[in-house]
Amino acid sequence: MPRTTFRVPRTLLAATATAALALATVLTTATGPAVAAPAAEAGTTGATGATVATSGFWACSVPAGYTYTSSRSSYTCSGGGSYPTTEFYVQPPADGLWACTTMPGYTHTGVMSNHTCSGGGSYTTSQYLLYKPVTGMWACSVPSGFTYTATQQSYTCSGGASYTTTQFLLRAL
């Protein structure tokens, strides 16, 4: 007996895959963040008695003293509007954190170019590898309270570009 096979047209497969991806996107957006976020926003009590966030959270703006490590296009912050706005994954600055902004009191030792900070856009932006500056550190910028004693050319601070940029050997003042 001859074997019969059923072939699904490629357009039907593509349409099914597109619908599944759209459904997954809607469910992810409706039920939780696209980036692994902590289940609870733990806090500690600072010297002033105020509770300070110690882990990341999604927010409609970036508060003073914080940076963000990712952004996404979302309806959450549009005030019930039918247009998407940008939502930010906010975190306190810390050594070794890839952040979408540089921070006062920190320098950066590397730059990476990607889509993480562009709010779901099709363009790339820079992320900065943050560290508290110390004497003897090679950095991409010279923070306040420091000078530099040597320079070198490197790709580390160019964000993956095909050109080199200057790195600075820091010395505290």
N, C-alpha and C. Protein backbone atom coordinates (compact mmCIF):
# COMPACT_ATOMS: atom_id res chain seq x y z
N MET A 1 0.84 -1.16 0.00
CA MET A 1 0.00 0.00 0.00
C MET A 1 0.90 1.24 0.00
N PRO A 2 0.66 2.19 -0.89
CA PRO A 2 1.51 3.39 -0.96
C PRO A 2 1.28 4.28 0.27
N ARG A 3 2.37 4.87 0.71
CA ARG A 3 2.31 5.76 1.87
C ARG A 3 1.96 7.18 1.42
N THR A 4 0.98 7.76 2.08
CA THR A 4 0.60 9.13 1.72
C THR A 4 1.11 10.07 2.81
N THR A 5 1.53 11.20 2.38
CA THR A 5 2.00 12.20 3.33
C THR A 5 1.22 13.48 3.12
N PHE A 6 1.11 14.22 4.17
CA PHE A 6 0.42 15.49 4.12
C PHE A 6 1.46 16.59 4.31
N ARG A 7 1.54 17.51 3.39
CA ARG A 7 2.50 18.59 3.47
C ARG A 7 1.79 19.88 3.83
N VAL A 8 2.31 20.53 4.84
CA VAL A 8 1.76 21.82 5.25
C VAL A 8 2.49 22.91 4.48
N PRO A 9 1.74 23.78 3.82
CA PRO A 9 2.40 24.86 3.06
C PRO A 9 3.25 25.74 3.99
N ARG A 10 4.37 26.22 3.47
CA ARG A 10 5.28 27.04 4.28
C ARG A 10 4.59 28.30 4.79
N THR A 11 3.71 28.88 4.01
CA THR A 11 3.04 30.11 4.45
C THR A 11 2.17 29.84 5.67
N LEU A 12 1.55 28.65 5.73
CA LEU A 12 0.74 28.30 6.89
C LEU A 12 1.63 28.09 8.12
N LEU A 13 2.78 27.46 7.94
CA LEU A 13 3.71 27.27 9.04
C LEU A 13 4.22 28.62 9.55
N ALA A 14 4.56 29.52 8.63
CA ALA A 14 5.05 30.84 9.03
C ALA A 14 3.97 31.63 9.76
N ALA A 15 2.74 31.55 9.29
CA ALA A 15 1.63 32.26 9.93
C ALA A 15 1.38 31.70 11.33
N THR A 16 1.47 30.39 11.48
CA THR A 16 1.27 29.76 12.79
C THR A 16 2.38 30.18 13.75
N ALA A 17 3.61 30.19 13.28
CA ALA A 17 4.74 30.59 14.12
C ALA A 17 4.60 32.05 14.53
N THR A 18 4.19 32.91 13.60
CA THR A 18 4.00 34.33 13.90
C THR A 18 2.90 34.52 14.94
N ALA A 19 1.80 33.80 14.80
CA ALA A 19 0.69 33.90 15.76
C ALA A 19 1.13 33.41 17.14
N ALA A 20 1.89 32.33 17.19
CA ALA A 20 2.37 31.80 18.48
C ALA A 20 3.30 32.81 19.15
N LEU A 21 4.19 33.44 18.36
CA LEU A 21 5.09 34.44 18.91
C LEU A 21 4.31 35.65 19.42
N ALA A 22 3.31 36.09 18.67
CA ALA A 22 2.48 37.22 19.10
C ALA A 22 1.75 36.90 20.40
N LEU A 23 1.21 35.69 20.50
CA LEU A 23 0.51 35.28 21.71
C LEU A 23 1.47 35.22 22.90
N ALA A 24 2.65 34.67 22.69
CA ALA A 24 3.64 34.60 23.76
C ALA A 24 4.04 36.00 24.22
N THR A 25 4.19 36.93 23.27
CA THR A 25 4.54 38.30 23.61
C THR A 25 3.44 38.95 24.44
N VAL A 26 2.20 38.77 24.04
CA VAL A 26 1.08 39.35 24.77
C VAL A 26 1.00 38.76 26.18
N LEU A 27 1.16 37.46 26.29
CA LEU A 27 1.10 36.82 27.60
C LEU A 27 2.25 37.24 28.49
N THR A 28 3.44 37.37 27.92
CA THR A 28 4.60 37.80 28.70
C THR A 28 4.41 39.22 29.18
N THR A 29 3.96 40.09 28.30
CA THR A 29 3.75 41.49 28.66
C THR A 29 2.66 41.62 29.70
N ALA A 30 1.63 40.81 29.60
CA ALA A 30 0.51 40.92 30.53
C ALA A 30 0.81 40.29 31.89
N THR A 31 1.67 39.28 31.91
CA THR A 31 1.88 38.55 33.17
C THR A 31 3.19 38.84 33.86
N GLY A 32 4.14 39.44 33.19
CA GLY A 32 5.40 39.70 33.87
C GLY A 32 6.43 40.29 32.95
N PRO A 33 7.57 40.67 33.47
CA PRO A 33 8.61 41.30 32.68
C PRO A 33 9.30 40.32 31.75
N ALA A 34 9.84 40.86 30.66
CA ALA A 34 10.55 40.04 29.70
C ALA A 34 11.93 39.66 30.21
N VAL A 35 12.45 40.42 31.15
CA VAL A 35 13.75 40.12 31.73
C VAL A 35 13.52 39.51 33.10
N ALA A 36 14.33 38.56 33.45
CA ALA A 36 14.15 37.92 34.75
C ALA A 36 14.31 38.95 35.85
N ALA A 37 13.23 39.25 36.50
CA ALA A 37 13.23 40.22 37.59
C ALA A 37 12.97 39.48 38.89
N PRO A 38 13.47 40.02 39.98
CA PRO A 38 13.23 39.36 41.26
C PRO A 38 11.74 39.28 41.56
N ALA A 39 11.33 38.21 42.22
CA ALA A 39 9.92 38.02 42.52
C ALA A 39 9.42 39.09 43.48
N ALA A 40 10.23 39.48 44.43
CA ALA A 40 9.84 40.52 45.38
C ALA A 40 10.93 41.56 45.42
N GLU A 41 10.55 42.80 45.59
CA GLU A 41 11.50 43.88 45.65
C GLU A 41 11.94 44.05 47.09
N ALA A 42 12.99 43.32 47.42
CA ALA A 42 13.49 43.36 48.79
C ALA A 42 14.08 44.73 49.08
N GLY A 43 14.01 45.14 50.30
CA GLY A 43 14.57 46.44 50.65
C GLY A 43 15.33 46.34 51.96
N THR A 44 16.17 47.31 52.18
CA THR A 44 16.88 47.40 53.44
C THR A 44 16.64 48.79 53.99
N THR A 45 16.81 48.94 55.25
CA THR A 45 16.62 50.24 55.86
C THR A 45 17.96 50.94 55.92
N GLY A 46 18.02 52.14 55.34
CA GLY A 46 19.25 52.91 55.31
C GLY A 46 19.43 53.71 56.59
N ALA A 47 20.48 54.55 56.61
CA ALA A 47 20.81 55.33 57.80
C ALA A 47 19.69 56.31 58.17
N THR A 48 18.91 56.76 57.19
CA THR A 48 17.84 57.71 57.45
C THR A 48 16.56 57.02 57.87
N GLY A 49 16.55 55.71 57.87
CA GLY A 49 15.34 54.96 58.22
C GLY A 49 14.44 54.70 57.03
N ALA A 50 14.81 55.22 55.86
CA ALA A 50 13.99 55.00 54.67
C ALA A 50 14.34 53.65 54.06
N THR A 51 13.37 53.03 53.43
CA THR A 51 13.61 51.75 52.76
C THR A 51 14.23 52.02 51.40
N VAL A 52 15.33 51.34 51.12
CA VAL A 52 16.06 51.52 49.89
C VAL A 52 15.96 50.22 49.09
N ALA A 53 15.62 50.30 47.81
CA ALA A 53 15.53 49.11 46.97
C ALA A 53 16.92 48.52 46.78
N THR A 54 17.05 47.22 46.94
CA THR A 54 18.34 46.56 46.77
C THR A 54 18.37 45.68 45.53
N SER A 55 17.27 45.61 44.81
CA SER A 55 17.24 44.82 43.59
C SER A 55 16.48 45.59 42.53
N GLY A 56 16.53 45.09 41.31
CA GLY A 56 15.92 45.78 40.19
C GLY A 56 14.41 45.67 40.17
N PHE A 57 13.80 46.62 39.45
CA PHE A 57 12.35 46.63 39.28
C PHE A 57 12.01 47.41 38.01
N TRP A 58 10.86 47.12 37.43
CA TRP A 58 10.39 47.84 36.25
C TRP A 58 9.72 49.13 36.70
N ALA A 59 10.00 50.25 36.02
CA ALA A 59 9.43 51.54 36.38
C ALA A 59 9.23 52.39 35.12
N CYS A 60 8.38 53.39 35.27
CA CYS A 60 8.08 54.30 34.15
C CYS A 60 9.12 55.41 34.01
N SER A 61 9.95 55.61 35.03
CA SER A 61 11.03 56.59 34.97
C SER A 61 12.19 56.06 35.81
N VAL A 62 13.33 56.69 35.65
CA VAL A 62 14.52 56.29 36.39
C VAL A 62 14.76 57.31 37.49
N PRO A 63 14.60 56.91 38.77
CA PRO A 63 14.79 57.86 39.86
C PRO A 63 16.24 58.29 40.00
N ALA A 64 16.45 59.46 40.60
CA ALA A 64 17.80 59.97 40.85
C ALA A 64 18.59 58.95 41.67
N GLY A 65 19.86 58.78 41.31
CA GLY A 65 20.72 57.85 42.04
C GLY A 65 20.65 56.42 41.52
N TYR A 66 19.79 56.16 40.56
CA TYR A 66 19.63 54.83 39.97
C TYR A 66 20.01 54.87 38.49
N THR A 67 20.23 53.71 37.94
CA THR A 67 20.44 53.57 36.51
C THR A 67 19.46 52.53 36.02
N TYR A 68 19.48 52.21 34.74
CA TYR A 68 18.65 51.13 34.23
C TYR A 68 19.50 50.22 33.36
N THR A 69 19.12 48.95 33.33
CA THR A 69 19.90 47.94 32.62
C THR A 69 19.18 47.38 31.41
N SER A 70 17.93 47.76 31.24
CA SER A 70 17.14 47.31 30.10
C SER A 70 15.95 48.23 29.97
N SER A 71 15.37 48.28 28.79
CA SER A 71 14.14 49.03 28.60
C SER A 71 13.29 48.27 27.59
N ARG A 72 12.00 48.55 27.66
CA ARG A 72 11.08 47.87 26.74
C ARG A 72 9.93 48.81 26.40
N SER A 73 9.33 48.56 25.29
CA SER A 73 8.15 49.29 24.87
C SER A 73 6.94 48.63 25.53
N SER A 74 6.11 49.44 26.22
CA SER A 74 5.03 48.89 27.02
C SER A 74 3.86 49.86 27.09
N TYR A 75 2.67 49.33 27.31
CA TYR A 75 1.48 50.16 27.51
C TYR A 75 1.29 50.50 28.99
N THR A 76 2.09 49.90 29.85
CA THR A 76 1.95 50.08 31.29
C THR A 76 2.05 51.54 31.72
N CYS A 77 2.93 52.30 31.10
CA CYS A 77 3.19 53.67 31.53
C CYS A 77 2.49 54.73 30.67
N SER A 78 1.59 54.31 29.80
CA SER A 78 0.95 55.27 28.90
C SER A 78 -0.33 55.87 29.46
N GLY A 79 -0.64 55.59 30.71
CA GLY A 79 -1.83 56.18 31.32
C GLY A 79 -3.12 55.75 30.67
N GLY A 80 -3.20 54.53 30.23
CA GLY A 80 -4.41 54.02 29.58
C GLY A 80 -4.49 54.37 28.11
N GLY A 81 -3.46 55.00 27.60
CA GLY A 81 -3.44 55.37 26.18
C GLY A 81 -3.26 54.16 25.29
N SER A 82 -3.51 54.36 24.03
CA SER A 82 -3.39 53.26 23.08
C SER A 82 -2.03 53.25 22.40
N TYR A 83 -1.08 53.93 22.98
CA TYR A 83 0.27 54.00 22.43
C TYR A 83 1.27 53.45 23.45
N PRO A 84 2.31 52.80 22.98
CA PRO A 84 3.32 52.29 23.91
C PRO A 84 4.29 53.39 24.32
N THR A 85 4.82 53.29 25.52
CA THR A 85 5.87 54.16 26.01
C THR A 85 7.02 53.29 26.51
N THR A 86 8.07 53.92 26.94
CA THR A 86 9.24 53.17 27.40
C THR A 86 9.13 52.89 28.90
N GLU A 87 9.46 51.65 29.26
CA GLU A 87 9.51 51.21 30.65
C GLU A 87 10.96 50.78 30.90
N PHE A 88 11.47 51.06 32.09
CA PHE A 88 12.88 50.85 32.41
C PHE A 88 13.04 49.82 33.52
N TYR A 89 14.07 48.95 33.38
CA TYR A 89 14.42 48.03 34.46
C TYR A 89 15.47 48.76 35.30
N VAL A 90 15.04 49.31 36.43
CA VAL A 90 15.83 50.20 37.27
C VAL A 90 16.61 49.40 38.32
N GLN A 91 17.87 49.78 38.52
CA GLN A 91 18.71 49.14 39.53
C GLN A 91 19.64 50.16 40.15
N PRO A 92 20.03 49.95 41.40
CA PRO A 92 21.07 50.81 41.97
C PRO A 92 22.40 50.50 41.29
N PRO A 93 23.26 51.49 41.11
CA PRO A 93 24.56 51.20 40.48
C PRO A 93 25.38 50.27 41.36
N ALA A 94 26.20 49.44 40.73
CA ALA A 94 27.04 48.49 41.46
C ALA A 94 28.23 48.11 40.59
N ASP A 95 29.31 47.69 41.25
CA ASP A 95 30.48 47.21 40.51
C ASP A 95 30.09 46.02 39.64
N GLY A 96 30.55 46.03 38.38
CA GLY A 96 30.31 44.92 37.47
C GLY A 96 28.94 44.94 36.80
N LEU A 97 28.17 46.01 36.96
CA LEU A 97 26.84 46.11 36.37
C LEU A 97 26.93 46.72 34.98
N TRP A 98 26.34 46.05 33.98
CA TRP A 98 26.22 46.62 32.64
C TRP A 98 24.99 47.52 32.67
N ALA A 99 25.19 48.83 32.59
CA ALA A 99 24.11 49.81 32.72
C ALA A 99 23.94 50.60 31.43
N CYS A 100 22.74 51.14 31.26
CA CYS A 100 22.44 51.94 30.06
C CYS A 100 22.90 53.38 30.20
N THR A 101 23.31 53.79 31.40
CA THR A 101 23.81 55.14 31.64
C THR A 101 25.06 55.06 32.49
N THR A 102 25.88 56.09 32.41
CA THR A 102 26.99 56.20 33.34
C THR A 102 26.45 56.84 34.62
N MET A 103 27.17 56.71 35.70
CA MET A 103 26.68 57.20 36.99
C MET A 103 27.74 58.02 37.71
N PRO A 104 27.32 59.09 38.42
CA PRO A 104 28.27 59.83 39.25
C PRO A 104 28.83 58.91 40.33
N GLY A 105 30.13 59.06 40.60
CA GLY A 105 30.77 58.21 41.61
C GLY A 105 31.27 56.89 41.04
N TYR A 106 30.98 56.64 39.78
CA TYR A 106 31.42 55.42 39.09
C TYR A 106 32.14 55.82 37.81
N THR A 107 32.96 54.93 37.32
CA THR A 107 33.52 55.06 35.99
C THR A 107 33.11 53.82 35.23
N HIS A 108 33.45 53.72 33.98
CA HIS A 108 33.15 52.49 33.24
C HIS A 108 34.42 51.97 32.60
N THR A 109 34.52 50.64 32.58
CA THR A 109 35.73 49.99 32.09
C THR A 109 35.50 49.26 30.77
N GLY A 110 34.29 49.32 30.25
CA GLY A 110 33.97 48.70 28.98
C GLY A 110 32.68 49.28 28.43
N VAL A 111 32.53 49.18 27.12
CA VAL A 111 31.32 49.63 26.44
C VAL A 111 30.87 48.52 25.50
N MET A 112 29.57 48.28 25.49
CA MET A 112 28.99 47.24 24.63
C MET A 112 27.83 47.87 23.86
N SER A 113 27.72 47.58 22.61
CA SER A 113 26.63 48.10 21.79
C SER A 113 25.63 46.99 21.52
N ASN A 114 24.34 47.24 21.89
CA ASN A 114 23.30 46.24 21.66
C ASN A 114 21.91 46.88 21.69
N HIS A 115 20.87 46.07 21.62
CA HIS A 115 19.48 46.56 21.59
C HIS A 115 18.85 46.64 22.98
N THR A 116 19.55 46.20 24.01
CA THR A 116 18.99 46.10 25.36
C THR A 116 18.43 47.41 25.89
N CYS A 117 19.08 48.52 25.60
CA CYS A 117 18.69 49.82 26.17
C CYS A 117 17.83 50.65 25.23
N SER A 118 17.48 50.13 24.07
CA SER A 118 16.77 50.93 23.08
C SER A 118 15.25 50.82 23.16
N GLY A 119 14.72 50.23 24.22
CA GLY A 119 13.27 50.17 24.38
C GLY A 119 12.56 49.33 23.34
N GLY A 120 13.20 48.31 22.85
CA GLY A 120 12.59 47.46 21.84
C GLY A 120 12.78 48.00 20.44
N GLY A 121 13.56 49.07 20.31
CA GLY A 121 13.81 49.67 19.01
C GLY A 121 14.72 48.82 18.15
N SER A 122 14.79 49.18 16.89
CA SER A 122 15.61 48.41 15.96
C SER A 122 17.04 48.95 15.89
N TYR A 123 17.36 49.92 16.72
CA TYR A 123 18.69 50.51 16.73
C TYR A 123 19.46 50.05 17.96
N THR A 124 20.79 50.17 17.89
CA THR A 124 21.61 49.78 19.02
C THR A 124 22.00 51.01 19.84
N THR A 125 22.22 50.81 21.11
CA THR A 125 22.71 51.84 22.00
C THR A 125 23.84 51.24 22.83
N SER A 126 24.49 52.06 23.61
CA SER A 126 25.63 51.60 24.40
C SER A 126 25.20 51.19 25.80
N GLN A 127 25.91 50.21 26.33
CA GLN A 127 25.83 49.83 27.73
C GLN A 127 27.23 49.99 28.30
N TYR A 128 27.31 50.38 29.57
CA TYR A 128 28.57 50.70 30.21
C TYR A 128 28.81 49.77 31.39
N LEU A 129 30.01 49.23 31.50
CA LEU A 129 30.38 48.34 32.59
C LEU A 129 30.87 49.20 33.76
N LEU A 130 30.03 49.36 34.78
CA LEU A 130 30.29 50.28 35.89
C LEU A 130 31.22 49.68 36.95
N TYR A 131 32.09 50.55 37.48
CA TYR A 131 32.93 50.20 38.63
C TYR A 131 33.23 51.46 39.41
N LYS A 132 33.36 51.32 40.73
CA LYS A 132 33.85 52.41 41.57
C LYS A 132 35.32 52.61 41.18
N PRO A 133 35.72 53.84 40.92
CA PRO A 133 37.10 54.06 40.50
C PRO A 133 38.10 53.87 41.64
N VAL A 134 39.25 53.31 41.30
CA VAL A 134 40.36 53.13 42.24
C VAL A 134 41.66 53.41 41.50
N THR A 135 42.68 53.80 42.24
CA THR A 135 44.00 54.03 41.65
C THR A 135 44.50 52.74 41.02
N GLY A 136 45.07 52.85 39.82
CA GLY A 136 45.60 51.68 39.11
C GLY A 136 44.61 51.02 38.16
N MET A 137 43.39 51.51 38.10
CA MET A 137 42.35 50.93 37.23
C MET A 137 42.43 51.57 35.83
N TRP A 138 42.33 50.73 34.79
CA TRP A 138 42.18 51.24 33.43
C TRP A 138 40.69 51.49 33.20
N ALA A 139 40.35 52.70 32.79
CA ALA A 139 38.96 53.08 32.64
C ALA A 139 38.74 53.84 31.33
N CYS A 140 37.49 53.89 30.92
CA CYS A 140 37.11 54.57 29.68
C CYS A 140 36.89 56.07 29.89
N SER A 141 36.78 56.50 31.13
CA SER A 141 36.59 57.91 31.44
C SER A 141 37.32 58.23 32.75
N VAL A 142 37.58 59.52 32.95
CA VAL A 142 38.25 59.95 34.18
C VAL A 142 37.19 60.62 35.06
N PRO A 143 36.82 59.95 36.16
CA PRO A 143 35.78 60.51 37.02
C PRO A 143 36.31 61.65 37.90
N SER A 144 35.38 62.39 38.46
CA SER A 144 35.71 63.47 39.38
C SER A 144 36.52 62.91 40.55
N GLY A 145 37.56 63.67 40.96
CA GLY A 145 38.41 63.22 42.08
C GLY A 145 39.57 62.36 41.64
N PHE A 146 39.72 62.16 40.33
CA PHE A 146 40.80 61.34 39.78
C PHE A 146 41.50 62.09 38.67
N THR A 147 42.73 61.70 38.43
CA THR A 147 43.47 62.12 37.25
C THR A 147 43.97 60.83 36.60
N TYR A 148 44.81 60.93 35.56
CA TYR A 148 45.35 59.72 34.96
C TYR A 148 46.85 59.88 34.75
N THR A 149 47.55 58.75 34.81
CA THR A 149 49.00 58.76 34.71
C THR A 149 49.52 58.12 33.43
N ALA A 150 48.64 57.50 32.65
CA ALA A 150 49.02 56.90 31.37
C ALA A 150 47.75 56.69 30.54
N THR A 151 47.95 56.51 29.25
CA THR A 151 46.83 56.19 28.36
C THR A 151 47.23 55.03 27.47
N GLN A 152 46.22 54.37 26.92
CA GLN A 152 46.45 53.32 25.93
C GLN A 152 45.27 53.29 24.98
N GLN A 153 45.50 52.82 23.78
CA GLN A 153 44.44 52.67 22.80
C GLN A 153 43.90 51.25 22.88
N SER A 154 42.57 51.11 22.86
CA SER A 154 41.95 49.80 23.03
C SER A 154 40.57 49.79 22.37
N TYR A 155 40.11 48.59 22.04
CA TYR A 155 38.74 48.41 21.54
C TYR A 155 37.72 48.30 22.68
N THR A 156 38.20 48.14 23.91
CA THR A 156 37.35 47.91 25.08
C THR A 156 36.29 48.99 25.25
N CYS A 157 36.62 50.22 24.97
CA CYS A 157 35.71 51.35 25.22
C CYS A 157 34.99 51.83 23.96
N SER A 158 35.16 51.14 22.84
CA SER A 158 34.55 51.60 21.59
C SER A 158 33.22 50.94 21.28
N GLY A 159 32.71 50.10 22.16
CA GLY A 159 31.40 49.50 21.95
C GLY A 159 31.32 48.54 20.79
N GLY A 160 32.39 47.85 20.50
CA GLY A 160 32.39 46.88 19.43
C GLY A 160 32.67 47.48 18.06
N ALA A 161 32.98 48.78 18.02
CA ALA A 161 33.29 49.44 16.75
C ALA A 161 34.66 48.97 16.25
N SER A 162 34.94 49.28 15.01
CA SER A 162 36.19 48.83 14.40
C SER A 162 37.34 49.80 14.64
N TYR A 163 37.18 50.73 15.56
CA TYR A 163 38.23 51.68 15.87
C TYR A 163 38.58 51.60 17.36
N THR A 164 39.76 52.09 17.70
CA THR A 164 40.17 52.09 19.10
C THR A 164 39.81 53.43 19.76
N THR A 165 39.70 53.41 21.07
CA THR A 165 39.49 54.61 21.85
C THR A 165 40.51 54.62 22.98
N THR A 166 40.58 55.72 23.66
CA THR A 166 41.57 55.89 24.72
C THR A 166 41.06 55.33 26.04
N GLN A 167 41.93 54.59 26.73
CA GLN A 167 41.70 54.17 28.11
C GLN A 167 42.68 54.94 28.98
N PHE A 168 42.25 55.18 30.22
CA PHE A 168 43.04 56.00 31.14
C PHE A 168 43.43 55.18 32.37
N LEU A 169 44.68 55.29 32.80
CA LEU A 169 45.13 54.65 34.02
C LEU A 169 44.87 55.64 35.16
N LEU A 170 43.91 55.32 36.01
CA LEU A 170 43.43 56.26 37.02
C LEU A 170 44.36 56.38 38.23
N ARG A 171 44.36 57.59 38.79
CA ARG A 171 45.07 57.86 40.05
C ARG A 171 44.20 58.82 40.85
N ALA A 172 43.89 58.43 42.09
CA ALA A 172 43.06 59.27 42.96
C ALA A 172 43.83 60.55 43.31
N LEU A 173 43.12 61.64 43.43
CA LEU A 173 43.73 62.91 43.83
C LEU A 173 43.84 63.00 45.33
